[in-house]
N, C-alpha and C. Protein backbone atom coordinates (compact mmCIF):
# COMPACT_ATOMS: atom_id res chain seq x y z
N MET A 1 68.14 14.94 -66.07
CA MET A 1 67.41 13.93 -65.34
C MET A 1 65.91 14.34 -65.09
N GLU A 2 65.00 13.29 -65.51
CA GLU A 2 63.57 13.65 -65.37
C GLU A 2 63.26 13.93 -63.90
N ARG A 3 62.19 14.65 -63.71
CA ARG A 3 61.76 15.12 -62.34
C ARG A 3 60.80 13.86 -61.84
N GLU A 4 61.20 13.32 -60.50
CA GLU A 4 60.46 12.31 -60.18
C GLU A 4 58.93 12.72 -59.78
N LYS A 5 58.01 11.86 -60.06
CA LYS A 5 56.41 12.23 -59.81
C LYS A 5 56.17 11.73 -58.37
N GLU A 6 55.23 12.40 -57.93
CA GLU A 6 54.58 11.72 -56.69
C GLU A 6 53.57 10.76 -57.17
N ILE A 7 53.19 9.83 -56.20
CA ILE A 7 52.17 8.88 -56.34
C ILE A 7 50.82 9.20 -55.76
N ARG A 8 49.72 9.27 -56.37
CA ARG A 8 48.47 9.53 -55.77
C ARG A 8 47.58 8.29 -55.87
N TRP A 9 47.15 7.83 -54.66
CA TRP A 9 46.37 6.58 -54.67
C TRP A 9 44.83 6.97 -54.71
N LEU A 10 44.25 6.43 -55.68
CA LEU A 10 42.73 6.49 -55.87
C LEU A 10 42.04 5.42 -55.30
N GLY A 11 40.90 5.82 -54.70
CA GLY A 11 39.91 4.86 -54.11
C GLY A 11 40.45 4.05 -52.94
N SER A 12 40.42 2.76 -53.06
CA SER A 12 40.90 1.87 -52.13
C SER A 12 42.36 1.32 -52.34
N SER A 13 42.85 1.70 -53.57
CA SER A 13 44.26 1.20 -53.90
C SER A 13 45.29 1.10 -52.96
N TYR A 14 45.33 2.16 -52.07
CA TYR A 14 46.48 2.18 -51.21
C TYR A 14 46.23 0.93 -50.00
N ASN A 15 45.06 0.87 -49.60
CA ASN A 15 44.87 -0.10 -48.58
C ASN A 15 44.71 -1.43 -49.22
N ASP A 16 44.32 -1.56 -50.43
CA ASP A 16 44.39 -2.95 -51.04
C ASP A 16 45.89 -3.31 -51.35
N LEU A 17 46.87 -2.52 -51.66
CA LEU A 17 48.15 -2.77 -51.85
C LEU A 17 48.83 -3.35 -50.54
N LEU A 18 48.39 -2.48 -49.28
CA LEU A 18 48.92 -2.98 -48.11
C LEU A 18 48.53 -4.21 -47.72
N ALA A 19 47.34 -4.87 -48.31
CA ALA A 19 46.93 -6.19 -47.94
C ALA A 19 47.58 -7.22 -48.76
N PHE A 20 48.52 -7.06 -49.67
CA PHE A 20 49.18 -7.79 -50.33
C PHE A 20 50.20 -8.65 -49.47
N PRO A 21 50.48 -9.76 -49.60
CA PRO A 21 51.68 -10.48 -48.93
C PRO A 21 52.81 -9.66 -48.90
N ASP A 22 53.83 -10.00 -48.12
CA ASP A 22 55.05 -9.22 -48.13
C ASP A 22 55.79 -9.20 -49.54
N GLU A 23 56.14 -10.29 -50.10
CA GLU A 23 57.05 -10.29 -51.37
C GLU A 23 56.23 -9.60 -52.58
N PRO A 24 54.86 -9.94 -52.85
CA PRO A 24 54.25 -9.04 -53.86
C PRO A 24 54.18 -7.59 -53.45
N ARG A 25 54.00 -7.23 -52.25
CA ARG A 25 53.97 -5.89 -51.85
C ARG A 25 55.47 -5.22 -52.10
N ARG A 26 56.38 -5.99 -51.87
CA ARG A 26 57.72 -5.51 -51.90
C ARG A 26 58.05 -5.40 -53.47
N GLN A 27 57.76 -6.26 -54.22
CA GLN A 27 57.96 -6.11 -55.76
C GLN A 27 57.18 -4.98 -56.37
N ALA A 28 55.87 -4.81 -55.87
CA ALA A 28 55.05 -3.69 -56.30
C ALA A 28 55.77 -2.51 -55.89
N GLY A 29 56.29 -2.36 -54.82
CA GLY A 29 57.08 -1.08 -54.47
C GLY A 29 58.29 -0.65 -55.27
N PHE A 30 59.02 -1.79 -55.76
CA PHE A 30 60.13 -1.79 -56.69
C PHE A 30 59.69 -1.21 -58.13
N GLN A 31 58.42 -1.64 -58.52
CA GLN A 31 57.87 -1.24 -59.77
C GLN A 31 57.35 0.13 -59.68
N LEU A 32 56.66 0.42 -58.69
CA LEU A 32 56.11 1.86 -58.45
C LEU A 32 57.23 2.79 -58.50
N SER A 33 58.33 2.50 -57.76
CA SER A 33 59.47 3.37 -57.71
C SER A 33 59.96 3.68 -59.13
N LYS A 34 60.02 2.63 -59.99
CA LYS A 34 60.67 2.79 -61.30
C LYS A 34 59.72 3.88 -62.00
N ILE A 35 58.35 3.64 -61.96
CA ILE A 35 57.41 4.54 -62.76
C ILE A 35 57.53 5.90 -62.15
N GLN A 36 57.68 6.10 -60.87
CA GLN A 36 57.94 7.43 -60.19
C GLN A 36 58.98 8.14 -60.90
N ALA A 37 60.22 7.27 -61.27
CA ALA A 37 61.45 7.88 -61.99
C ALA A 37 61.29 8.15 -63.30
N GLY A 38 60.07 7.61 -63.94
CA GLY A 38 59.84 7.78 -65.38
C GLY A 38 60.40 6.60 -66.28
N LEU A 39 60.52 5.51 -65.58
CA LEU A 39 60.84 4.22 -66.16
C LEU A 39 59.71 3.29 -66.32
N ASP A 40 59.93 2.43 -67.19
CA ASP A 40 58.80 1.33 -67.26
C ASP A 40 58.86 0.17 -66.31
N PRO A 41 57.95 -0.39 -65.73
CA PRO A 41 58.12 -1.53 -64.83
C PRO A 41 58.59 -2.65 -65.57
N ASP A 42 59.01 -3.80 -64.97
CA ASP A 42 59.54 -4.97 -65.68
C ASP A 42 58.53 -5.71 -66.50
N ASP A 43 57.31 -5.74 -65.99
CA ASP A 43 56.17 -6.60 -66.65
C ASP A 43 54.93 -5.75 -66.62
N TRP A 44 54.57 -5.40 -67.76
CA TRP A 44 53.31 -4.53 -67.66
C TRP A 44 52.59 -4.76 -69.15
N LYS A 45 51.24 -4.28 -69.16
CA LYS A 45 50.62 -4.33 -70.45
C LYS A 45 49.51 -3.20 -70.35
N PRO A 46 49.11 -2.68 -71.38
CA PRO A 46 48.00 -1.69 -71.50
C PRO A 46 46.86 -2.23 -71.05
N PHE A 47 45.93 -1.35 -70.55
CA PHE A 47 44.79 -1.87 -70.14
C PHE A 47 43.67 -0.71 -70.31
N ASP A 48 43.40 -0.35 -71.58
CA ASP A 48 42.51 0.86 -71.86
C ASP A 48 41.12 0.66 -71.56
N VAL A 49 40.68 -0.64 -71.36
CA VAL A 49 39.24 -0.84 -70.96
C VAL A 49 38.83 -0.24 -69.71
N VAL A 50 39.91 0.15 -68.91
CA VAL A 50 39.58 0.89 -67.60
C VAL A 50 39.64 2.41 -67.90
N GLY A 51 40.55 2.71 -68.89
CA GLY A 51 40.66 4.23 -69.27
C GLY A 51 41.75 4.46 -70.05
N PRO A 52 41.66 5.43 -70.86
CA PRO A 52 42.94 5.75 -71.84
C PRO A 52 44.34 5.98 -71.05
N GLY A 53 45.27 5.26 -71.45
CA GLY A 53 46.48 5.53 -70.87
C GLY A 53 46.82 4.51 -69.53
N THR A 54 45.85 3.72 -69.24
CA THR A 54 46.00 2.79 -68.11
C THR A 54 46.81 1.59 -68.35
N ARG A 55 47.81 1.33 -67.42
CA ARG A 55 48.74 0.29 -67.50
C ARG A 55 48.57 -0.69 -66.39
N GLU A 56 48.96 -1.90 -66.62
CA GLU A 56 48.66 -2.98 -65.42
C GLU A 56 50.13 -3.47 -65.14
N ILE A 57 50.56 -3.31 -63.98
CA ILE A 57 51.83 -4.05 -63.48
C ILE A 57 51.42 -5.47 -63.14
N ARG A 58 52.30 -6.47 -63.56
CA ARG A 58 52.09 -7.89 -63.32
C ARG A 58 53.13 -8.37 -62.36
N VAL A 59 52.69 -8.71 -61.10
CA VAL A 59 53.61 -9.29 -60.20
C VAL A 59 53.34 -10.77 -59.89
N ARG A 60 54.18 -11.58 -60.35
CA ARG A 60 54.07 -13.16 -60.32
C ARG A 60 54.83 -13.64 -59.02
N GLU A 61 54.31 -14.24 -58.15
CA GLU A 61 54.93 -14.76 -56.91
C GLU A 61 54.30 -16.12 -56.60
N THR A 62 54.78 -16.79 -55.62
CA THR A 62 54.40 -18.14 -55.19
C THR A 62 53.01 -18.05 -54.53
N HIS A 63 52.70 -16.72 -54.02
CA HIS A 63 51.35 -16.60 -53.37
C HIS A 63 50.26 -16.37 -54.57
N GLY A 64 50.67 -16.24 -55.81
CA GLY A 64 49.68 -15.86 -56.74
C GLY A 64 50.13 -14.75 -57.84
N ILE A 65 49.15 -14.35 -58.54
CA ILE A 65 49.59 -13.36 -59.48
C ILE A 65 48.78 -12.06 -58.98
N PHE A 66 49.37 -10.93 -58.89
CA PHE A 66 49.01 -9.66 -58.32
C PHE A 66 49.14 -8.46 -59.30
N ARG A 67 48.24 -7.62 -59.37
CA ARG A 67 48.09 -6.61 -60.33
C ARG A 67 48.06 -5.10 -59.73
N VAL A 68 48.69 -4.20 -60.29
CA VAL A 68 48.68 -2.95 -59.97
C VAL A 68 48.30 -2.05 -61.16
N MET A 69 47.17 -1.41 -61.21
CA MET A 69 46.63 -0.58 -62.36
C MET A 69 47.01 0.84 -62.02
N TYR A 70 47.74 1.66 -63.10
CA TYR A 70 48.07 2.99 -62.85
C TYR A 70 48.06 3.81 -64.11
N VAL A 71 48.11 5.10 -64.01
CA VAL A 71 48.18 5.91 -65.05
C VAL A 71 49.25 6.84 -64.89
N ALA A 72 50.33 7.03 -65.76
CA ALA A 72 51.45 7.73 -65.63
C ALA A 72 51.57 8.85 -66.67
N LYS A 73 50.56 9.14 -67.46
CA LYS A 73 50.72 10.10 -68.50
C LYS A 73 50.58 11.51 -68.09
N PHE A 74 50.12 11.83 -66.94
CA PHE A 74 50.16 13.03 -66.41
C PHE A 74 51.23 13.61 -65.81
N VAL A 75 51.58 14.89 -66.00
CA VAL A 75 52.87 15.49 -65.69
C VAL A 75 52.98 15.58 -64.10
N GLU A 76 51.95 15.82 -63.33
CA GLU A 76 51.98 15.91 -61.96
C GLU A 76 52.25 14.73 -61.07
N ALA A 77 51.64 13.64 -61.59
CA ALA A 77 51.81 12.40 -60.59
C ALA A 77 51.47 11.13 -61.47
N VAL A 78 51.78 10.14 -60.78
CA VAL A 78 51.52 8.83 -61.19
C VAL A 78 50.06 8.37 -60.35
N TYR A 79 49.01 8.05 -61.03
CA TYR A 79 47.79 7.83 -60.35
C TYR A 79 47.60 6.15 -60.25
N VAL A 80 47.60 5.63 -59.08
CA VAL A 80 47.31 4.24 -58.77
C VAL A 80 45.77 4.06 -58.80
N LEU A 81 45.33 3.15 -59.62
CA LEU A 81 43.75 3.04 -59.69
C LEU A 81 43.26 1.89 -58.92
N HIS A 82 43.94 0.68 -59.09
CA HIS A 82 43.45 -0.55 -58.56
C HIS A 82 44.64 -1.34 -58.18
N CYS A 83 44.45 -2.11 -57.05
CA CYS A 83 45.57 -3.19 -56.72
C CYS A 83 44.72 -4.49 -56.25
N PHE A 84 45.13 -5.59 -56.85
CA PHE A 84 44.20 -6.77 -56.60
C PHE A 84 45.02 -8.09 -56.90
N GLN A 85 44.76 -9.18 -56.35
CA GLN A 85 45.16 -10.39 -56.85
C GLN A 85 44.25 -10.99 -57.90
N LYS A 86 44.92 -11.46 -58.89
CA LYS A 86 44.33 -11.98 -60.11
C LYS A 86 43.42 -13.21 -59.78
N LYS A 87 42.29 -13.20 -60.20
CA LYS A 87 41.29 -14.36 -60.03
C LYS A 87 41.09 -14.97 -61.48
N PRO A 88 40.44 -16.17 -61.52
CA PRO A 88 40.29 -17.02 -62.76
C PRO A 88 39.47 -16.09 -63.66
N GLU A 89 38.48 -15.29 -63.24
CA GLU A 89 37.69 -14.56 -64.30
C GLU A 89 38.46 -13.41 -64.70
N PRO A 90 38.18 -12.81 -65.95
CA PRO A 90 38.82 -11.65 -66.54
C PRO A 90 38.76 -10.49 -65.56
N PRO A 91 39.86 -9.65 -65.46
CA PRO A 91 39.75 -8.50 -64.57
C PRO A 91 38.60 -7.56 -65.01
N ALA A 92 38.40 -7.41 -66.35
CA ALA A 92 37.47 -6.44 -66.93
C ALA A 92 36.08 -6.81 -66.37
N THR A 93 35.78 -8.00 -65.89
CA THR A 93 34.51 -8.31 -65.29
C THR A 93 34.37 -7.83 -63.82
N ARG A 94 35.49 -7.43 -63.21
CA ARG A 94 35.56 -7.13 -61.72
C ARG A 94 35.95 -5.69 -61.68
N ILE A 95 36.36 -4.94 -62.53
CA ILE A 95 36.85 -3.68 -62.48
C ILE A 95 36.08 -2.84 -63.29
N LYS A 96 35.17 -1.78 -62.83
CA LYS A 96 34.51 -0.98 -63.64
C LYS A 96 35.30 0.05 -64.20
N PRO A 97 35.14 0.55 -65.63
CA PRO A 97 35.77 1.53 -65.94
C PRO A 97 35.69 2.86 -65.23
N LEU A 98 36.75 3.78 -65.31
CA LEU A 98 36.73 4.99 -64.41
C LEU A 98 35.70 5.95 -65.19
N PRO A 99 34.88 6.69 -64.36
CA PRO A 99 34.03 7.77 -65.05
C PRO A 99 34.93 8.63 -65.76
N LYS A 100 34.42 9.37 -66.71
CA LYS A 100 35.06 10.33 -67.65
C LYS A 100 35.62 11.50 -66.84
N ARG A 101 36.92 11.86 -66.94
CA ARG A 101 37.63 12.91 -66.49
C ARG A 101 37.88 12.69 -65.06
N VAL A 102 37.66 11.33 -64.32
CA VAL A 102 37.88 11.28 -62.84
C VAL A 102 39.32 11.54 -62.51
N ILE A 103 40.20 11.22 -63.29
CA ILE A 103 41.61 11.54 -62.91
C ILE A 103 41.91 12.97 -63.05
N ALA A 104 41.35 13.49 -64.16
CA ALA A 104 41.65 15.02 -64.25
C ALA A 104 40.90 15.79 -63.08
N GLN A 105 39.79 15.29 -62.55
CA GLN A 105 39.00 16.01 -61.57
C GLN A 105 39.87 15.80 -60.23
N SER A 106 40.41 14.53 -60.06
CA SER A 106 41.20 14.27 -58.73
C SER A 106 42.54 15.14 -58.82
N SER A 107 43.13 15.27 -60.04
CA SER A 107 44.22 16.08 -60.17
C SER A 107 43.99 17.50 -59.77
N THR A 108 42.83 18.22 -60.15
CA THR A 108 42.54 19.48 -59.82
C THR A 108 42.25 19.59 -58.33
N THR A 109 41.70 18.53 -57.71
CA THR A 109 41.45 18.55 -56.19
C THR A 109 42.76 18.61 -55.73
N GLU A 110 43.71 17.56 -56.05
CA GLU A 110 44.97 17.49 -55.26
C GLU A 110 45.86 18.96 -55.33
N ARG A 111 45.74 19.54 -56.50
CA ARG A 111 46.50 20.78 -56.64
C ARG A 111 46.02 21.65 -55.69
N ASN A 112 44.71 21.66 -55.13
CA ASN A 112 44.20 22.66 -54.19
C ASN A 112 44.41 22.17 -52.66
N ASN A 113 44.92 21.02 -52.51
CA ASN A 113 45.13 20.40 -51.22
C ASN A 113 46.62 20.59 -50.77
N HIS A 114 46.81 21.43 -49.77
CA HIS A 114 48.18 21.61 -49.47
C HIS A 114 48.57 21.03 -48.05
N ASP A 115 47.69 19.92 -47.64
CA ASP A 115 48.00 19.28 -46.39
C ASP A 115 49.26 18.53 -46.48
N HIS A 116 49.91 18.29 -45.37
CA HIS A 116 51.12 17.48 -45.28
C HIS A 116 50.66 16.12 -45.48
N ARG A 117 51.48 15.21 -46.29
CA ARG A 117 51.21 13.87 -46.30
C ARG A 117 50.78 12.94 -45.40
N HIS A 118 51.24 13.19 -44.00
CA HIS A 118 50.77 12.44 -42.88
C HIS A 118 49.30 12.67 -42.59
N SER A 119 48.74 13.84 -43.05
CA SER A 119 47.33 14.10 -42.77
C SER A 119 46.49 13.78 -44.10
N ASN A 120 47.32 13.39 -45.17
CA ASN A 120 46.66 12.97 -46.52
C ASN A 120 47.34 11.91 -47.06
N PRO A 121 46.94 10.63 -46.58
CA PRO A 121 47.62 9.44 -46.94
C PRO A 121 47.47 8.98 -48.52
N SER A 122 46.56 9.78 -49.14
CA SER A 122 46.25 9.38 -50.64
C SER A 122 47.48 9.88 -51.41
N ARG A 123 48.49 10.45 -50.86
CA ARG A 123 49.66 11.03 -51.67
C ARG A 123 51.07 10.52 -51.14
N HIS A 124 51.89 10.13 -52.29
CA HIS A 124 53.18 9.91 -51.73
C HIS A 124 54.27 10.70 -52.41
N PRO A 125 54.91 11.60 -51.79
CA PRO A 125 55.70 12.68 -52.43
C PRO A 125 56.94 12.11 -53.13
N PRO A 126 57.43 12.67 -54.13
CA PRO A 126 58.69 12.26 -54.75
C PRO A 126 59.92 12.33 -53.75
N GLY A 127 60.78 11.30 -53.83
CA GLY A 127 61.99 11.16 -52.93
C GLY A 127 61.76 10.48 -51.68
N ALA A 128 60.58 10.41 -51.29
CA ALA A 128 60.30 9.69 -49.86
C ALA A 128 60.37 8.14 -50.03
N ASN A 129 60.57 7.51 -48.98
CA ASN A 129 60.70 6.11 -48.95
C ASN A 129 59.42 5.32 -49.09
N LEU A 130 59.03 4.97 -50.34
CA LEU A 130 57.90 4.25 -50.65
C LEU A 130 57.64 3.04 -49.80
N PHE A 131 58.72 2.32 -49.52
CA PHE A 131 58.59 0.96 -48.86
C PHE A 131 58.04 1.21 -47.35
N LEU A 132 58.58 2.37 -46.74
CA LEU A 132 58.10 2.74 -45.45
C LEU A 132 56.45 2.97 -45.45
N GLU A 133 56.15 3.65 -46.48
CA GLU A 133 54.65 3.86 -46.54
C GLU A 133 54.00 2.50 -46.73
N LEU A 134 54.61 1.55 -47.36
CA LEU A 134 53.87 0.42 -47.59
C LEU A 134 54.02 -0.64 -46.41
N GLY A 135 54.40 -0.32 -45.27
CA GLY A 135 54.43 -0.95 -44.07
C GLY A 135 55.50 -1.72 -43.76
N PHE A 136 56.59 -1.64 -44.47
CA PHE A 136 57.78 -2.47 -43.97
C PHE A 136 58.55 -1.78 -42.92
N PRO A 137 59.23 -2.52 -41.95
CA PRO A 137 59.95 -2.06 -40.85
C PRO A 137 60.94 -1.07 -41.26
N ALA A 138 61.22 0.04 -40.53
CA ALA A 138 62.19 1.06 -40.91
C ALA A 138 63.42 0.58 -41.47
N GLU A 139 64.03 -0.29 -40.81
CA GLU A 139 65.38 -0.76 -41.36
C GLU A 139 65.42 -1.55 -42.71
N GLU A 140 64.21 -2.40 -42.82
CA GLU A 140 64.01 -3.15 -44.21
C GLU A 140 63.75 -2.06 -45.21
N ALA A 141 62.93 -1.17 -44.85
CA ALA A 141 62.31 -0.15 -45.75
C ALA A 141 63.68 0.66 -46.32
N ALA A 142 64.59 1.05 -45.40
CA ALA A 142 65.74 1.77 -45.95
C ALA A 142 66.50 0.90 -46.74
N ARG A 143 66.67 -0.31 -46.57
CA ARG A 143 67.42 -1.25 -47.43
C ARG A 143 66.82 -1.35 -48.85
N LEU A 144 65.53 -1.41 -48.72
CA LEU A 144 64.72 -1.76 -49.94
C LEU A 144 64.71 -0.39 -50.87
N HIS A 145 64.75 0.75 -50.16
CA HIS A 145 64.74 1.95 -50.84
C HIS A 145 66.13 2.23 -51.66
N ALA A 146 67.19 1.84 -50.84
CA ALA A 146 68.44 2.06 -51.45
C ALA A 146 68.57 1.06 -52.52
N ALA A 147 68.29 -0.26 -52.53
CA ALA A 147 68.24 -1.06 -53.69
C ALA A 147 67.50 -0.69 -54.86
N SER A 148 66.37 -0.16 -54.60
CA SER A 148 65.38 0.50 -55.59
C SER A 148 66.06 1.53 -56.29
N GLN A 149 66.79 2.46 -55.64
CA GLN A 149 67.37 3.75 -56.16
C GLN A 149 68.63 3.31 -56.99
N LYS A 150 69.42 2.22 -56.58
CA LYS A 150 70.43 1.62 -57.34
C LYS A 150 69.99 1.17 -58.56
N GLN A 151 68.79 0.31 -58.62
CA GLN A 151 68.40 -0.15 -59.75
C GLN A 151 67.98 0.89 -60.98
N ILE A 152 67.43 1.90 -60.30
CA ILE A 152 67.02 3.06 -61.08
C ILE A 152 68.14 3.61 -61.75
N ASN A 153 69.20 3.94 -60.82
CA ASN A 153 70.29 4.68 -61.41
C ASN A 153 71.18 3.97 -62.40
N ASP A 154 71.20 2.60 -62.15
CA ASP A 154 72.11 1.62 -63.11
C ASP A 154 71.29 1.57 -64.39
N THR A 155 69.83 1.64 -64.45
CA THR A 155 69.16 1.62 -65.75
C THR A 155 69.40 2.81 -66.51
N ARG A 156 69.37 4.05 -65.69
CA ARG A 156 69.59 5.23 -66.47
C ARG A 156 71.01 5.31 -66.99
N LEU A 157 71.99 4.88 -66.24
CA LEU A 157 73.39 4.96 -66.55
C LEU A 157 73.60 4.02 -67.89
N LEU A 158 72.98 2.85 -67.83
CA LEU A 158 73.01 1.99 -69.08
C LEU A 158 72.45 2.83 -70.27
N LYS A 159 71.29 3.30 -70.15
CA LYS A 159 70.61 3.99 -71.24
C LYS A 159 71.55 5.17 -71.73
N GLU A 160 72.04 5.89 -70.92
CA GLU A 160 72.95 7.08 -71.22
C GLU A 160 74.09 6.50 -72.03
N GLN A 161 74.81 5.42 -71.58
CA GLN A 161 75.91 4.71 -72.40
C GLN A 161 75.49 4.32 -73.76
N LEU A 162 74.35 3.59 -73.92
CA LEU A 162 73.79 3.31 -75.21
C LEU A 162 73.68 4.47 -76.14
N MET A 163 73.03 5.57 -75.46
CA MET A 163 72.77 6.93 -76.18
C MET A 163 73.94 7.53 -76.58
N THR A 164 75.08 7.49 -75.82
CA THR A 164 76.46 8.15 -76.13
C THR A 164 76.87 7.30 -77.37
N GLU A 165 76.81 6.10 -77.41
CA GLU A 165 77.29 5.22 -78.57
C GLU A 165 76.56 5.91 -79.85
N LEU A 166 75.28 5.95 -79.84
CA LEU A 166 74.59 6.34 -80.95
C LEU A 166 74.94 7.80 -81.45
N SER A 167 75.04 8.67 -80.40
CA SER A 167 75.47 10.10 -80.72
C SER A 167 76.84 10.08 -81.20
N SER A 168 77.62 9.29 -80.77
CA SER A 168 79.10 9.36 -81.33
C SER A 168 79.11 8.79 -82.79
N TRP A 169 78.30 7.82 -83.05
CA TRP A 169 78.17 7.32 -84.47
C TRP A 169 77.72 8.40 -85.30
N ILE A 170 76.72 9.24 -84.91
CA ILE A 170 76.08 10.33 -85.67
C ILE A 170 77.07 11.41 -86.03
N GLU A 171 77.94 11.63 -84.85
CA GLU A 171 78.94 12.69 -85.00
C GLU A 171 80.09 12.08 -85.90
N GLN A 172 80.58 10.91 -85.63
CA GLN A 172 81.76 10.51 -86.53
C GLN A 172 81.33 10.42 -88.12
N HIS A 173 80.05 10.23 -88.26
CA HIS A 173 79.82 10.06 -89.77
C HIS A 173 79.30 11.43 -90.30
N HIS A 174 79.22 12.51 -89.59
CA HIS A 174 78.88 13.79 -89.96
C HIS A 174 77.45 13.92 -90.41
N LEU A 175 76.59 13.09 -89.81
CA LEU A 175 75.13 13.02 -90.27
C LEU A 175 74.39 14.20 -89.62
N LYS A 176 73.26 14.62 -90.42
CA LYS A 176 72.19 15.37 -89.98
C LYS A 176 71.27 14.38 -89.06
N GLN A 177 70.39 15.08 -88.30
CA GLN A 177 69.46 14.03 -87.41
C GLN A 177 68.59 13.48 -88.42
N SER A 178 68.05 14.26 -89.45
CA SER A 178 67.14 13.69 -90.37
C SER A 178 67.82 12.47 -91.10
N GLU A 179 69.08 12.41 -91.46
CA GLU A 179 69.83 11.57 -92.12
C GLU A 179 69.97 10.31 -91.25
N ALA A 180 70.30 10.53 -89.92
CA ALA A 180 70.31 9.48 -89.08
C ALA A 180 69.18 8.82 -88.71
N ALA A 181 67.98 9.52 -88.73
CA ALA A 181 66.66 9.04 -88.65
C ALA A 181 66.30 7.98 -89.62
N VAL A 182 66.66 8.15 -90.89
CA VAL A 182 66.50 7.44 -92.01
C VAL A 182 67.18 5.99 -91.64
N ILE A 183 68.36 6.04 -91.30
CA ILE A 183 69.23 4.79 -91.10
C ILE A 183 68.68 4.02 -89.92
N LEU A 184 68.50 4.76 -88.73
CA LEU A 184 68.07 4.04 -87.67
C LEU A 184 66.52 3.74 -87.64
N MET A 185 65.82 4.14 -88.66
CA MET A 185 64.43 3.88 -88.92
C MET A 185 63.49 4.22 -87.73
N VAL A 186 63.73 5.66 -87.44
CA VAL A 186 63.06 6.34 -86.41
C VAL A 186 62.68 7.71 -86.97
N SER A 187 61.96 8.41 -86.15
CA SER A 187 61.71 9.98 -86.41
C SER A 187 62.90 10.74 -86.18
N ARG A 188 62.98 11.93 -86.89
CA ARG A 188 63.97 12.97 -86.54
C ARG A 188 63.86 13.31 -85.01
N PRO A 189 62.57 13.64 -84.40
CA PRO A 189 62.48 13.96 -83.06
C PRO A 189 63.09 12.88 -82.05
N ARG A 190 63.03 11.55 -82.52
CA ARG A 190 63.64 10.54 -81.81
C ARG A 190 65.07 10.57 -81.73
N VAL A 191 65.65 10.84 -82.87
CA VAL A 191 67.14 11.18 -82.74
C VAL A 191 67.47 12.25 -81.87
N SER A 192 66.82 13.38 -81.96
CA SER A 192 67.01 14.41 -81.05
C SER A 192 66.90 14.11 -79.45
N ASP A 193 65.97 13.27 -79.19
CA ASP A 193 65.86 12.69 -77.92
C ASP A 193 67.05 11.77 -77.50
N VAL A 194 67.66 11.05 -78.43
CA VAL A 194 68.88 10.25 -78.09
C VAL A 194 69.87 11.09 -77.91
N VAL A 195 70.27 12.21 -78.67
CA VAL A 195 71.35 13.18 -78.60
C VAL A 195 71.24 13.94 -77.20
N ASN A 196 70.13 14.27 -76.85
CA ASN A 196 69.71 14.89 -75.60
C ASN A 196 69.60 14.16 -74.29
N LYS A 197 69.97 12.83 -74.60
CA LYS A 197 69.84 11.81 -73.50
C LYS A 197 68.52 11.94 -72.66
N LYS A 198 67.49 11.85 -73.35
CA LYS A 198 66.24 11.77 -72.78
C LYS A 198 65.74 10.27 -72.46
N THR A 199 66.39 9.81 -71.53
CA THR A 199 66.28 8.36 -71.14
C THR A 199 64.97 7.79 -70.93
N THR A 200 64.02 8.53 -70.26
CA THR A 200 62.66 8.09 -70.06
C THR A 200 61.92 7.71 -71.34
N LYS A 201 62.31 8.28 -72.36
CA LYS A 201 61.64 8.11 -73.72
C LYS A 201 62.08 6.85 -74.40
N PHE A 202 62.92 5.99 -73.81
CA PHE A 202 63.52 4.92 -74.54
C PHE A 202 63.50 3.66 -73.53
N THR A 203 63.24 2.40 -74.17
CA THR A 203 63.57 1.21 -73.47
C THR A 203 64.93 0.81 -73.65
N ILE A 204 65.63 0.02 -72.96
CA ILE A 204 66.99 -0.48 -73.20
C ILE A 204 66.84 -1.31 -74.49
N ASP A 205 65.74 -2.14 -74.66
CA ASP A 205 65.62 -2.93 -75.90
C ASP A 205 65.58 -2.02 -77.14
N THR A 206 64.81 -0.97 -77.10
CA THR A 206 64.63 0.01 -78.24
C THR A 206 66.13 0.52 -78.52
N LEU A 207 66.89 0.93 -77.53
CA LEU A 207 68.41 1.44 -77.98
C LEU A 207 69.39 0.43 -78.45
N VAL A 208 69.05 -0.88 -78.03
CA VAL A 208 69.95 -1.95 -78.35
C VAL A 208 69.45 -2.26 -79.86
N GLU A 209 68.26 -2.31 -80.23
CA GLU A 209 67.70 -2.46 -81.54
C GLU A 209 68.26 -1.35 -82.56
N MET A 210 68.36 -0.17 -81.99
CA MET A 210 68.88 0.89 -82.81
C MET A 210 70.34 0.81 -83.17
N LEU A 211 71.09 0.49 -82.12
CA LEU A 211 72.67 0.17 -82.38
C LEU A 211 72.81 -1.06 -83.25
N SER A 212 71.92 -2.01 -83.26
CA SER A 212 72.11 -3.12 -84.14
C SER A 212 71.98 -2.83 -85.56
N ARG A 213 71.08 -1.66 -85.83
CA ARG A 213 70.94 -1.26 -87.15
C ARG A 213 72.14 -0.62 -87.77
N ILE A 214 72.90 -0.10 -86.96
CA ILE A 214 74.34 0.53 -87.44
C ILE A 214 75.49 -0.40 -87.25
N GLY A 215 75.07 -1.73 -87.15
CA GLY A 215 76.27 -2.72 -86.93
C GLY A 215 77.01 -2.65 -85.65
N LYS A 216 76.27 -2.27 -84.70
CA LYS A 216 76.95 -2.22 -83.35
C LYS A 216 76.16 -3.09 -82.29
N PRO A 217 76.30 -4.48 -82.36
CA PRO A 217 75.72 -5.34 -81.68
C PRO A 217 76.07 -5.06 -80.08
N VAL A 218 75.22 -5.30 -79.23
CA VAL A 218 75.27 -4.98 -77.76
C VAL A 218 75.26 -6.39 -77.04
N THR A 219 76.10 -6.60 -75.91
CA THR A 219 76.10 -7.78 -75.27
C THR A 219 75.85 -7.31 -73.77
N LEU A 220 74.81 -7.66 -73.01
CA LEU A 220 74.49 -7.36 -71.78
C LEU A 220 74.94 -8.39 -70.86
N ALA A 221 75.73 -7.97 -69.88
CA ALA A 221 76.32 -8.89 -68.80
C ALA A 221 75.89 -8.63 -67.51
N VAL A 222 75.38 -9.62 -66.74
CA VAL A 222 75.12 -9.42 -65.24
C VAL A 222 76.41 -9.43 -64.46
N GLY A 223 76.57 -8.36 -63.64
CA GLY A 223 77.70 -8.37 -62.94
C GLY A 223 77.53 -8.79 -61.57
């Protein structure tokens, strides 16, 4: 299982997220929890105009459309850059690109900072209840955290099941990984990742597509 990352809030992103209405803030918490666990959020797009590796979470609610921009490519943490409600004008006109190496510099500063998180609200450690930090009452935060962890565990379990099907097919046909890669239309390292159950490197859609290429259609049912 992949190690969960901490969240580091840059600039005013934490306070801006706290200003979201309850439901968009709740949904943002679910999506950020997934990212901490190495999974993709439900609805996102790349936003490289802000900086390489930047992604944008899209939360659509009755209150409007809300955005959370983040970078998750670094080993030590997920960096949250901007949180805002979408306006009619393009976001690029309202958000300045990050200065060069700003995230790397922030990372170095954070490594040298050993304060406890209560004296350093710019950090959210792995394993802690994110919803509590996002301002929800303790009882609701506990319920939301439990629901979030169940979603994450269910997603991991489903990916592992799909990977087991692929691994079993490779074994049953006595295929080398290079041979399986040709049939699955992926690189050999990708086959190795499947065999070694590296769930964070695949989406469910990708695994389903790989199974369809070997004549194993998958039907997902909501329980």
